[in-house]
Amino acid sequence: MIIQFFKKEQQFTCLDVNDSEYKVHSVELLNQGFSFDGDPIQAVDIEDALKQYKKYKPDLN
């Protein structure tokens, strides 16, 4: 699974890059003011991706 994180101020969300609707949903997020937050993360599952993401975001822990 490859996960891309997006951020907007103190909010964050993520999408599975391999999802068939990824492009549509990522454009929606960008139109809502979110921006890409780092490179996509290779992970076993969403929990693993979140753990990896938070490792470099001490303000989220």
Protein backbone atom coordinates (compact mmCIF):
# COMPACT_ATOMS: atom_id res chain seq x y z
CA MET A 1 0.00 0.00 0.00
CA ILE A 2 1.27 3.47 -0.88
CA ILE A 3 -0.20 6.34 1.14
CA GLN A 4 0.00 10.06 0.34
CA PHE A 5 -0.58 12.51 3.18
CA PHE A 6 -2.07 15.96 2.78
CA LYS A 7 -2.10 18.83 5.26
CA LYS A 8 -3.97 22.05 5.88
CA GLU A 9 -2.87 24.03 8.92
CA GLN A 10 -3.26 21.59 11.86
CA GLN A 11 -5.41 19.10 9.90
CA PHE A 12 -4.11 16.15 7.94
CA THR A 13 -5.58 13.34 5.92
CA CYS A 14 -4.33 10.66 3.58
CA LEU A 15 -5.26 8.71 0.48
CA ASP A 16 -4.21 5.37 -0.97
CA VAL A 17 -2.30 6.22 -4.16
CA ASN A 18 -3.41 2.95 -5.78
CA ASP A 19 -7.12 3.66 -5.24
CA SER A 20 -8.98 4.15 -8.51
CA GLU A 21 -10.41 7.45 -7.22
CA TYR A 22 -7.08 8.81 -5.93
CA LYS A 23 -6.71 11.48 -8.59
CA VAL A 24 -10.28 12.78 -8.13
CA HIS A 25 -10.01 12.87 -4.34
CA SER A 26 -6.56 14.46 -4.34
CA VAL A 27 -7.79 17.26 -6.60
CA GLU A 28 -10.76 17.78 -4.25
CA LEU A 29 -8.40 18.07 -1.28
CA LEU A 30 -6.13 20.50 -3.13
CA ASN A 31 -9.16 22.61 -4.06
CA GLN A 32 -10.10 22.69 -0.35
CA GLY A 33 -6.72 24.20 0.52
CA PHE A 34 -4.82 21.04 1.46
CA SER A 35 -1.31 20.50 0.12
CA PHE A 36 0.83 17.42 -0.36
CA ASP A 37 2.78 16.64 2.80
CA GLY A 38 5.96 14.81 1.88
CA ASP A 39 6.52 11.88 -0.41
CA PRO A 40 4.15 8.91 -0.52
CA ILE A 41 4.77 6.33 2.21
CA GLN A 42 5.10 2.61 1.49
CA ALA A 43 3.27 0.79 4.29
CA VAL A 44 1.73 -2.54 5.22
CA ASP A 45 -1.55 -0.86 6.20
CA ILE A 46 -2.96 2.53 7.16
CA GLU A 47 -1.84 2.18 10.79
CA ASP A 48 1.73 1.55 9.65
CA ALA A 49 1.58 4.59 7.33
CA LEU A 50 0.27 6.78 10.15
CA LYS A 51 3.03 5.57 12.48
CA GLN A 52 5.67 6.38 9.84
CA TYR A 53 4.10 9.78 9.15
CA LYS A 54 3.95 10.73 12.84
CA LYS A 55 7.59 9.71 13.34
CA TYR A 56 8.61 12.90 11.52
CA LYS A 57 5.80 15.04 12.94
CA PRO A 58 6.45 15.36 16.70
CA ASP A 59 3.69 17.95 17.02
CA LEU A 60 1.12 15.25 16.14
CA ASN A 61 2.11 12.80 18.89
